[in-house]
């Protein structure tokens, strides 16, 4: 049968090439006073920005970062009023008629 879906976009391939013998990982000091598991932790290559960025994004996703910023609210309101001013919107339609 026909398996092509003409409405679905193709996913782009991502290539994360690191040479086989590249010494990009940090080599830690054997005499450091970290825990014995610290040398087995996952380190990113210096040229592997994608996985480092993905891990930093996951770390930054915390519930305390989800609060709504009052500065953002002020900026949005200011932009709305500038937009209404450019359109020459008359705000007197909301006032009661005497």
PDB file of N, CA and C in Angstrom:
ATOM      1  N   UNK A   1       0.825  -1.192   0.000  1.00  0.00           N
ATOM      2  CA  UNK A   1       0.000   0.000   0.000  1.00  0.00           C
ATOM      3  C   UNK A   1       0.868   1.254   0.000  1.00  0.00           C
ATOM      4  N   UNK A   2       0.218   2.354  -0.106  1.00  0.00           N
ATOM      5  CA  UNK A   2       0.900   3.651  -0.121  1.00  0.00           C
ATOM      6  C   UNK A   2       1.138   4.107   1.312  1.00  0.00           C
ATOM      7  N   UNK A   3       2.400   4.216   1.708  1.00  0.00           N
ATOM      8  CA  UNK A   3       2.725   4.573   3.085  1.00  0.00           C
ATOM      9  C   UNK A   3       3.152   6.021   3.231  1.00  0.00           C
ATOM     10  N   UNK A   4       3.049   6.815   2.211  1.00  0.00           N
ATOM     11  CA  UNK A   4       3.496   8.198   2.283  1.00  0.00           C
ATOM     12  C   UNK A   4       2.386   9.078   2.830  1.00  0.00           C
ATOM     13  N   UNK A   5       2.746   9.901   3.765  1.00  0.00           N
ATOM     14  CA  UNK A   5       1.814  10.885   4.288  1.00  0.00           C
ATOM     15  C   UNK A   5       2.278  12.247   3.785  1.00  0.00           C
ATOM     16  N   UNK A   6       1.481  12.861   2.944  1.00  0.00           N
ATOM     17  CA  UNK A   6       1.899  14.104   2.311  1.00  0.00           C
ATOM     18  C   UNK A   6       1.746  15.314   3.228  1.00  0.00           C
ATOM     19  N   UNK A   7       1.025  15.168   4.341  1.00  0.00           N
ATOM     20  CA  UNK A   7       0.810  16.295   5.234  1.00  0.00           C
ATOM     21  C   UNK A   7       1.792  16.322   6.396  1.00  0.00           C
ATOM     22  N   UNK A   8       2.514  15.254   6.599  1.00  0.00           N
ATOM     23  CA  UNK A   8       3.459  15.176   7.708  1.00  0.00           C
ATOM     24  C   UNK A   8       4.845  15.577   7.220  1.00  0.00           C
ATOM     25  N   UNK A   9       5.466  16.495   7.941  1.00  0.00           N
ATOM     26  CA  UNK A   9       6.796  16.936   7.561  1.00  0.00           C
ATOM     27  C   UNK A   9       7.833  15.915   7.984  1.00  0.00           C
ATOM     28  N   UNK A  10       8.881  15.811   7.215  1.00  0.00           N
ATOM     29  CA  UNK A  10       9.958  14.884   7.516  1.00  0.00           C
ATOM     30  C   UNK A  10      10.806  15.420   8.653  1.00  0.00           C
ATOM     31  N   UNK A  11      11.217  14.553   9.543  1.00  0.00           N
ATOM     32  CA  UNK A  11      12.062  14.976  10.650  1.00  0.00           C
ATOM     33  C   UNK A  11      13.494  15.120  10.159  1.00  0.00           C
ATOM     34  N   UNK A  12      14.129  16.228  10.532  1.00  0.00           N
ATOM     35  CA  UNK A  12      15.509  16.450  10.135  1.00  0.00           C
ATOM     36  C   UNK A  12      16.425  15.523  10.913  1.00  0.00           C
ATOM     37  N   UNK A  13      17.442  15.019  10.247  1.00  0.00           N
ATOM     38  CA  UNK A  13      18.431  14.178  10.908  1.00  0.00           C
ATOM     39  C   UNK A  13      19.415  15.058  11.660  1.00  0.00           C
ATOM     40  N   UNK A  14      19.795  14.602  12.826  1.00  0.00           N
ATOM     41  CA  UNK A  14      20.786  15.329  13.614  1.00  0.00           C
ATOM     42  C   UNK A  14      22.038  14.477  13.684  1.00  0.00           C
ATOM     43  N   UNK A  15      23.143  15.095  13.389  1.00  0.00           N
ATOM     44  CA  UNK A  15      24.408  14.396  13.438  1.00  0.00           C
ATOM     45  C   UNK A  15      25.253  15.012  14.535  1.00  0.00           C
ATOM     46  N   UNK A  16      25.714  14.184  15.425  1.00  0.00           N
ATOM     47  CA  UNK A  16      26.556  14.634  16.523  1.00  0.00           C
ATOM     48  C   UNK A  16      27.882  13.900  16.383  1.00  0.00           C
ATOM     49  N   UNK A  17      28.727  14.424  15.528  1.00  0.00           N
ATOM     50  CA  UNK A  17      29.971  13.735  15.212  1.00  0.00           C
ATOM     51  C   UNK A  17      31.053  14.110  16.207  1.00  0.00           C
ATOM     52  N   UNK A  18      31.654  13.119  16.790  1.00  0.00           N
ATOM     53  CA  UNK A  18      32.835  13.296  17.623  1.00  0.00           C
ATOM     54  C   UNK A  18      33.869  12.294  17.142  1.00  0.00           C
ATOM     55  N   UNK A  19      35.072  12.736  16.837  1.00  0.00           N
ATOM     56  CA  UNK A  19      36.087  11.787  16.382  1.00  0.00           C
ATOM     57  C   UNK A  19      36.347  10.708  17.422  1.00  0.00           C
ATOM     58  N   UNK A  20      36.801   9.572  16.974  1.00  0.00           N
ATOM     59  CA  UNK A  20      36.942   8.407  17.834  1.00  0.00           C
ATOM     60  C   UNK A  20      37.954   8.615  18.958  1.00  0.00           C
ATOM     61  N   UNK A  21      39.073   9.197  18.660  1.00  0.00           N
ATOM     62  CA  UNK A  21      40.120   9.351  19.661  1.00  0.00           C
ATOM     63  C   UNK A  21      40.262  10.799  20.111  1.00  0.00           C
ATOM     64  N   UNK A  22      39.176  11.551  20.090  1.00  0.00           N
ATOM     65  CA  UNK A  22      39.211  12.952  20.496  1.00  0.00           C
ATOM     66  C   UNK A  22      39.313  13.044  22.014  1.00  0.00           C
ATOM     67  N   UNK A  23      40.230  13.834  22.506  1.00  0.00           N
ATOM     68  CA  UNK A  23      40.418  13.989  23.951  1.00  0.00           C
ATOM     69  C   UNK A  23      39.655  15.210  24.451  1.00  0.00           C
ATOM     70  N   UNK A  24      38.379  15.278  24.168  1.00  0.00           N
ATOM     71  CA  UNK A  24      37.599  16.442  24.549  1.00  0.00           C
ATOM     72  C   UNK A  24      37.033  16.356  25.943  1.00  0.00           C
ATOM     73  N   UNK A  25      36.968  15.171  26.518  1.00  0.00           N
ATOM     74  CA  UNK A  25      36.429  15.048  27.864  1.00  0.00           C
ATOM     75  C   UNK A  25      37.446  15.528  28.875  1.00  0.00           C
ATOM     76  N   UNK A  26      36.931  16.082  29.933  1.00  0.00           N
ATOM     77  CA  UNK A  26      37.807  16.593  30.986  1.00  0.00           C
ATOM     78  C   UNK A  26      38.491  15.422  31.684  1.00  0.00           C
ATOM     79  N   UNK A  27      39.781  15.503  31.851  1.00  0.00           N
ATOM     80  CA  UNK A  27      40.517  14.484  32.592  1.00  0.00           C
ATOM     81  C   UNK A  27      40.700  15.008  34.006  1.00  0.00           C
ATOM     82  N   UNK A  28      40.122  14.309  34.962  1.00  0.00           N
ATOM     83  CA  UNK A  28      40.147  14.786  36.340  1.00  0.00           C
ATOM     84  C   UNK A  28      41.416  14.340  37.047  1.00  0.00           C
ATOM     85  N   UNK A  29      41.719  15.029  38.092  1.00  0.00           N
ATOM     86  CA  UNK A  29      42.879  14.702  38.907  1.00  0.00           C
ATOM     87  C   UNK A  29      42.569  13.446  39.725  1.00  0.00           C
ATOM     88  N   UNK A  30      43.486  12.490  39.737  1.00  0.00           N
ATOM     89  CA  UNK A  30      43.265  11.260  40.502  1.00  0.00           C
ATOM     90  C   UNK A  30      43.314  11.512  41.998  1.00  0.00           C
ATOM     91  N   UNK A  31      43.949  12.593  42.412  1.00  0.00           N
ATOM     92  CA  UNK A  31      44.108  12.876  43.834  1.00  0.00           C
ATOM     93  C   UNK A  31      43.087  13.888  44.350  1.00  0.00           C
ATOM     94  N   UNK A  32      42.019  14.094  43.605  1.00  0.00           N
ATOM     95  CA  UNK A  32      41.002  15.034  44.074  1.00  0.00           C
ATOM     96  C   UNK A  32      40.180  14.381  45.185  1.00  0.00           C
ATOM     97  N   UNK A  33      39.544  15.202  45.991  1.00  0.00           N
ATOM     98  CA  UNK A  33      38.807  14.708  47.152  1.00  0.00           C
ATOM     99  C   UNK A  33      37.317  14.554  46.870  1.00  0.00           C
ATOM    100  N   UNK A  34      36.948  14.331  45.621  1.00  0.00           N
ATOM    101  CA  UNK A  34      35.553  14.093  45.287  1.00  0.00           C
ATOM    102  C   UNK A  34      35.178  12.672  45.679  1.00  0.00           C
ATOM    103  N   UNK A  35      33.923  12.348  45.471  1.00  0.00           N
ATOM    104  CA  UNK A  35      33.487  10.996  45.795  1.00  0.00           C
ATOM    105  C   UNK A  35      34.082  10.005  44.801  1.00  0.00           C
ATOM    106  N   UNK A  36      34.031   8.745  45.141  1.00  0.00           N
ATOM    107  CA  UNK A  36      34.628   7.733  44.273  1.00  0.00           C
ATOM    108  C   UNK A  36      33.814   7.525  43.001  1.00  0.00           C
ATOM    109  N   UNK A  37      32.582   8.039  42.968  1.00  0.00           N
ATOM    110  CA  UNK A  37      31.749   7.900  41.786  1.00  0.00           C
ATOM    111  C   UNK A  37      31.896   9.071  40.830  1.00  0.00           C
ATOM    112  N   UNK A  38      32.588  10.133  41.236  1.00  0.00           N
ATOM    113  CA  UNK A  38      32.659  11.324  40.396  1.00  0.00           C
ATOM    114  C   UNK A  38      33.435  11.088  39.112  1.00  0.00           C
ATOM    115  N   UNK A  39      34.388  10.164  39.108  1.00  0.00           N
ATOM    116  CA  UNK A  39      35.122   9.934  37.870  1.00  0.00           C
ATOM    117  C   UNK A  39      34.315   9.127  36.863  1.00  0.00           C
ATOM    118  N   UNK A  40      33.190   8.552  37.273  1.00  0.00           N
ATOM    119  CA  UNK A  40      32.339   7.813  36.350  1.00  0.00           C
ATOM    120  C   UNK A  40      31.153   8.640  35.865  1.00  0.00           C
ATOM    121  N   UNK A  41      31.089   9.895  36.284  1.00  0.00           N
ATOM    122  CA  UNK A  41      29.955  10.707  35.866  1.00  0.00           C
ATOM    123  C   UNK A  41      30.061  11.039  34.385  1.00  0.00           C
ATOM    124  N   UNK A  42      28.936  11.341  33.808  1.00  0.00           N
ATOM    125  CA  UNK A  42      28.880  11.614  32.378  1.00  0.00           C
ATOM    126  C   UNK A  42      29.420  13.002  32.103  1.00  0.00           C
ATOM    127  N   UNK A  43      30.467  13.086  31.339  1.00  0.00           N
ATOM    128  CA  UNK A  43      31.031  14.361  30.934  1.00  0.00           C
ATOM    129  C   UNK A  43      30.759  14.572  29.456  1.00  0.00           C
ATOM    130  N   UNK A  44      30.554  15.830  29.094  1.00  0.00           N
ATOM    131  CA  UNK A  44      30.299  16.154  27.698  1.00  0.00           C
ATOM    132  C   UNK A  44      31.602  16.532  27.020  1.00  0.00           C
ATOM    133  N   UNK A  45      31.658  16.234  25.743  1.00  0.00           N
ATOM    134  CA  UNK A  45      32.790  16.710  24.964  1.00  0.00           C
ATOM    135  C   UNK A  45      32.717  18.225  24.860  1.00  0.00           C
ATOM    136  N   UNK A  46      33.853  18.852  24.679  1.00  0.00           N
ATOM    137  CA  UNK A  46      33.851  20.309  24.566  1.00  0.00           C
ATOM    138  C   UNK A  46      33.168  20.768  23.294  1.00  0.00           C
ATOM    139  N   UNK A  47      33.130  19.925  22.276  1.00  0.00           N
ATOM    140  CA  UNK A  47      32.465  20.313  21.034  1.00  0.00           C
ATOM    141  C   UNK A  47      31.034  19.792  20.963  1.00  0.00           C
ATOM    142  N   UNK A  48      30.543  19.142  21.987  1.00  0.00           N
ATOM    143  CA  UNK A  48      29.189  18.593  21.992  1.00  0.00           C
ATOM    144  C   UNK A  48      28.272  19.562  22.732  1.00  0.00           C
ATOM    145  N   UNK A  49      27.868  20.617  22.031  1.00  0.00           N
ATOM    146  CA  UNK A  49      27.038  21.635  22.659  1.00  0.00           C
ATOM    147  C   UNK A  49      25.596  21.170  22.803  1.00  0.00           C
ATOM    148  N   UNK A  50      25.151  20.255  21.941  1.00  0.00           N
ATOM    149  CA  UNK A  50      23.742  19.857  21.945  1.00  0.00           C
ATOM    150  C   UNK A  50      23.363  19.135  23.235  1.00  0.00           C
ATOM    151  N   UNK A  51      24.161  18.166  23.649  1.00  0.00           N
ATOM    152  CA  UNK A  51      23.795  17.423  24.852  1.00  0.00           C
ATOM    153  C   UNK A  51      24.006  18.266  26.104  1.00  0.00           C
ATOM    154  N   UNK A  52      25.011  19.136  26.096  1.00  0.00           N
ATOM    155  CA  UNK A  52      25.205  20.023  27.241  1.00  0.00           C
ATOM    156  C   UNK A  52      24.038  20.994  27.359  1.00  0.00           C
ATOM    157  N   UNK A  53      23.565  21.508  26.229  1.00  0.00           N
ATOM    158  CA  UNK A  53      22.432  22.432  26.228  1.00  0.00           C
ATOM    159  C   UNK A  53      21.164  21.710  26.680  1.00  0.00           C
ATOM    160  N   UNK A  54      20.959  20.479  26.240  1.00  0.00           N
ATOM    161  CA  UNK A  54      19.768  19.725  26.634  1.00  0.00           C
ATOM    162  C   UNK A  54      19.773  19.450  28.131  1.00  0.00           C
ATOM    163  N   UNK A  55      20.930  19.120  28.677  1.00  0.00           N
ATOM    164  CA  UNK A  55      21.000  18.862  30.113  1.00  0.00           C
ATOM    165  C   UNK A  55      20.780  20.148  30.912  1.00  0.00           C
ATOM    166  N   UNK A  56      21.316  21.264  30.449  1.00  0.00           N
ATOM    167  CA  UNK A  56      21.103  22.531  31.139  1.00  0.00           C
ATOM    168  C   UNK A  56      19.642  22.954  31.087  1.00  0.00           C
ATOM    169  N   UNK A  57      18.957  22.677  29.974  1.00  0.00           N
ATOM    170  CA  UNK A  57      17.534  23.002  29.893  1.00  0.00           C
ATOM    171  C   UNK A  57      16.726  22.190  30.888  1.00  0.00           C
ATOM    172  N   UNK A  58      17.067  20.916  31.053  1.00  0.00           N
ATOM    173  CA  UNK A  58      16.348  20.068  32.005  1.00  0.00           C
ATOM    174  C   UNK A  58      16.593  20.550  33.430  1.00  0.00           C
ATOM    175  N   UNK A  59      17.819  20.975  33.719  1.00  0.00           N
ATOM    176  CA  UNK A  59      18.124  21.480  35.056  1.00  0.00           C
ATOM    177  C   UNK A  59      17.346  22.764  35.343  1.00  0.00           C
ATOM    178  N   UNK A  60      17.200  23.621  34.344  1.00  0.00           N
ATOM    179  CA  UNK A  60      16.520  24.897  34.549  1.00  0.00           C
ATOM    180  C   UNK A  60      15.004  24.758  34.645  1.00  0.00           C
ATOM    181  N   UNK A  61      14.451  23.603  34.294  1.00  0.00           N
ATOM    182  CA  UNK A  61      13.000  23.414  34.394  1.00  0.00           C
ATOM    183  C   UNK A  61      12.637  23.073  35.829  1.00  0.00           C
ATOM    184  N   UNK A  62      12.362  24.051  36.585  1.00  0.00           N
ATOM    185  CA  UNK A  62      11.962  23.869  37.968  1.00  0.00           C
ATOM    186  C   UNK A  62      10.654  24.619  38.188  1.00  0.00           C
ATOM    187  N   UNK A  63       9.924  24.222  39.209  1.00  0.00           N
ATOM    188  CA  UNK A  63       8.642  24.865  39.461  1.00  0.00           C
ATOM    189  C   UNK A  63       8.800  26.311  39.909  1.00  0.00           C
ATOM    190  N   UNK A  64       9.926  26.659  40.519  1.00  0.00           N
ATOM    191  CA  UNK A  64      10.096  28.045  40.937  1.00  0.00           C
ATOM    192  C   UNK A  64      10.378  28.954  39.749  1.00  0.00           C
ATOM    193  N   UNK A  65      10.707  28.424  38.580  1.00  0.00           N
ATOM    194  CA  UNK A  65      10.913  29.243  37.394  1.00  0.00           C
ATOM    195  C   UNK A  65       9.616  29.490  36.632  1.00  0.00           C
ATOM    196  N   UNK A  66       8.527  28.900  37.069  1.00  0.00           N
ATOM    197  CA  UNK A  66       7.274  29.021  36.334  1.00  0.00           C
ATOM    198  C   UNK A  66       6.426  30.203  36.776  1.00  0.00           C
ATOM    199  N   UNK A  67       6.893  31.004  37.697  1.00  0.00           N
ATOM    200  CA  UNK A  67       6.097  32.138  38.152  1.00  0.00           C
ATOM    201  C   UNK A  67       6.026  33.192  37.052  1.00  0.00           C
ATOM    202  N   UNK A  68       4.930  33.935  37.041  1.00  0.00           N
ATOM    203  CA  UNK A  68       4.713  34.942  36.013  1.00  0.00           C
ATOM    204  C   UNK A  68       5.400  36.224  36.432  1.00  0.00           C
ATOM    205  N   UNK A  69       6.211  36.752  35.594  1.00  0.00           N
ATOM    206  CA  UNK A  69       6.993  37.936  35.914  1.00  0.00           C
ATOM    207  C   UNK A  69       6.135  39.195  35.778  1.00  0.00           C
ATOM    208  N   UNK A  70       6.136  40.075  36.787  1.00  0.00           N
ATOM    209  CA  UNK A  70       5.391  41.333  36.662  1.00  0.00           C
ATOM    210  C   UNK A  70       5.969  42.232  35.574  1.00  0.00           C
ATOM    211  N   UNK A  71       7.271  42.161  35.362  1.00  0.00           N
ATOM    212  CA  UNK A  71       7.879  42.957  34.295  1.00  0.00           C
ATOM    213  C   UNK A  71       7.364  42.508  32.935  1.00  0.00           C
ATOM    214  N   UNK A  72       7.184  41.217  32.763  1.00  0.00           N
ATOM    215  CA  UNK A  72       6.636  40.710  31.509  1.00  0.00           C
ATOM    216  C   UNK A  72       5.208  41.209  31.301  1.00  0.00           C
ATOM    217  N   UNK A  73       4.425  41.251  32.357  1.00  0.00           N
ATOM    218  CA  UNK A  73       3.058  41.759  32.269  1.00  0.00           C
ATOM    219  C   UNK A  73       3.049  43.226  31.864  1.00  0.00           C
ATOM    220  N   UNK A  74       3.924  44.022  32.440  1.00  0.00           N
ATOM    221  CA  UNK A  74       3.999  45.448  32.099  1.00  0.00           C
ATOM    222  C   UNK A  74       4.409  45.625  30.639  1.00  0.00           C
ATOM    223  N   UNK A  75       5.347  44.842  30.182  1.00  0.00           N
ATOM    224  CA  UNK A  75       5.798  44.947  28.790  1.00  0.00           C
ATOM    225  C   UNK A  75       4.679  44.562  27.827  1.00  0.00           C
ATOM    226  N   UNK A  76       3.933  43.510  28.155  1.00  0.00           N
ATOM    227  CA  UNK A  76       2.829  43.084  27.290  1.00  0.00           C
ATOM    228  C   UNK A  76       1.743  44.151  27.240  1.00  0.00           C
ATOM    229  N   UNK A  77       1.398  44.722  28.391  1.00  0.00           N
ATOM    230  CA  UNK A  77       0.388  45.784  28.409  1.00  0.00           C
ATOM    231  C   UNK A  77       0.850  47.012  27.638  1.00  0.00           C
ATOM    232  N   UNK A  78       2.098  47.370  27.791  1.00  0.00           N
ATOM    233  CA  UNK A  78       2.636  48.521  27.068  1.00  0.00           C
ATOM    234  C   UNK A  78       2.589  48.289  25.560  1.00  0.00           C
ATOM    235  N   UNK A  79       2.943  47.107  25.131  1.00  0.00           N
ATOM    236  CA  UNK A  79       2.887  46.800  23.702  1.00  0.00           C
ATOM    237  C   UNK A  79       1.449  46.789  23.180  1.00  0.00           C
ATOM    238  N   UNK A  80       0.513  46.328  24.002  1.00  0.00           N
ATOM    239  CA  UNK A  80      -0.900  46.354  23.593  1.00  0.00           C
ATOM    240  C   UNK A  80      -1.396  47.781  23.427  1.00  0.00           C
ATOM    241  N   UNK A  81      -1.039  48.655  24.368  1.00  0.00           N
ATOM    242  CA  UNK A  81      -1.470  50.050  24.261  1.00  0.00           C
ATOM    243  C   UNK A  81      -0.811  50.762  23.081  1.00  0.00           C
ATOM    244  N   UNK A  82       0.431  50.447  22.800  1.00  0.00           N
ATOM    245  CA  UNK A  82       1.087  51.030  21.619  1.00  0.00           C
ATOM    246  C   UNK A  82       0.403  50.537  20.351  1.00  0.00           C
ATOM    247  N   UNK A  83       0.039  49.269  20.317  1.00  0.00           N
ATOM    248  CA  UNK A  83      -0.664  48.723  19.164  1.00  0.00           C
ATOM    249  C   UNK A  83      -2.020  49.403  18.986  1.00  0.00           C
ATOM    250  N   UNK A  84      -2.749  49.591  20.082  1.00  0.00           N
ATOM    251  CA  UNK A  84      -4.044  50.270  19.994  1.00  0.00           C
ATOM    252  C   UNK A  84      -3.879  51.729  19.590  1.00  0.00           C
ATOM    253  N   UNK A  85      -2.817  52.371  20.024  1.00  0.00           N
ATOM    254  CA  UNK A  85      -2.569  53.758  19.650  1.00  0.00           C
ATOM    255  C   UNK A  85      -2.259  53.868  18.159  1.00  0.00           C
ATOM    256  N   UNK A  86      -1.496  52.921  17.643  1.00  0.00           N
ATOM    257  CA  UNK A  86      -1.165  52.935  16.217  1.00  0.00           C
ATOM    258  C   UNK A  86      -2.421  52.727  15.383  1.00  0.00           C
ATOM    259  N   UNK A  87      -3.323  51.887  15.856  1.00  0.00           N
ATOM    260  CA  UNK A  87      -4.577  51.657  15.134  1.00  0.00           C
ATOM    261  C   UNK A  87      -5.594  52.767  15.360  1.00  0.00           C
ATOM    262  N   UNK A  88      -5.257  53.732  16.200  1.00  0.00           N
ATOM    263  CA  UNK A  88      -6.141  54.848  16.549  1.00  0.00           C
ATOM    264  C   UNK A  88      -7.452  54.325  17.143  1.00  0.00           C
ATOM    265  N   UNK A  89      -7.317  53.443  18.106  1.00  0.00           N
ATOM    266  CA  UNK A  89      -8.468  52.852  18.778  1.00  0.00           C
ATOM    267  C   UNK A  89      -9.001  53.843  19.803  1.00  0.00           C
ATOM    268  N   UNK A  90     -10.296  54.041  19.798  1.00  0.00           N
ATOM    269  CA  UNK A  90     -10.929  55.001  20.701  1.00  0.00           C
ATOM    270  C   UNK A  90     -11.403  54.264  21.956  1.00  0.00           C
ATOM    271  N   UNK A  91     -10.826  54.606  23.106  1.00  0.00           N
ATOM    272  CA  UNK A  91     -11.180  53.946  24.357  1.00  0.00           C
ATOM    273  C   UNK A  91     -12.451  54.510  24.988  1.00  0.00           C
ATOM    274  N   UNK A  92     -13.019  55.543  24.404  1.00  0.00           N
ATOM    275  CA  UNK A  92     -14.234  56.126  24.982  1.00  0.00           C
ATOM    276  C   UNK A  92     -15.456  55.243  24.759  1.00  0.00           C
ATOM    277  N   UNK A  93     -15.363  54.217  23.974  1.00  0.00           N
ATOM    278  CA  UNK A  93     -16.518  53.334  23.778  1.00  0.00           C
ATOM    279  C   UNK A  93     -16.799  52.520  25.033  1.00  0.00           C
ATOM    280  N   UNK A  94     -15.817  52.445  25.939  1.00  0.00           N
ATOM    281  CA  UNK A  94     -16.018  51.709  27.179  1.00  0.00           C
ATOM    282  C   UNK A  94     -16.568  52.583  28.297  1.00  0.00           C
ATOM    283  N   UNK A  95     -16.601  53.873  28.105  1.00  0.00           N
ATOM    284  CA  UNK A  95     -17.142  54.769  29.140  1.00  0.00           C
ATOM    285  C   UNK A  95     -18.658  54.856  28.977  1.00  0.00           C
ATOM    286  N   UNK A  96     -19.356  55.024  30.106  1.00  0.00           N
ATOM    287  CA  UNK A  96     -20.827  55.103  30.011  1.00  0.00           C
ATOM    288  C   UNK A  96     -21.271  56.424  29.372  1.00  0.00           C
ATOM    289  N   UNK A  97     -22.346  56.358  28.641  1.00  0.00           N
ATOM    290  CA  UNK A  97     -22.881  57.540  27.960  1.00  0.00           C
ATOM    291  C   UNK A  97     -23.884  58.204  28.889  1.00  0.00           C
ATOM    292  N   UNK A  98     -23.746  59.526  29.072  1.00  0.00           N
ATOM    293  CA  UNK A  98     -24.677  60.276  29.942  1.00  0.00           C
ATOM    294  C   UNK A  98     -25.640  61.071  29.138  1.00  0.00           C
TER     295      UNK A  98
END
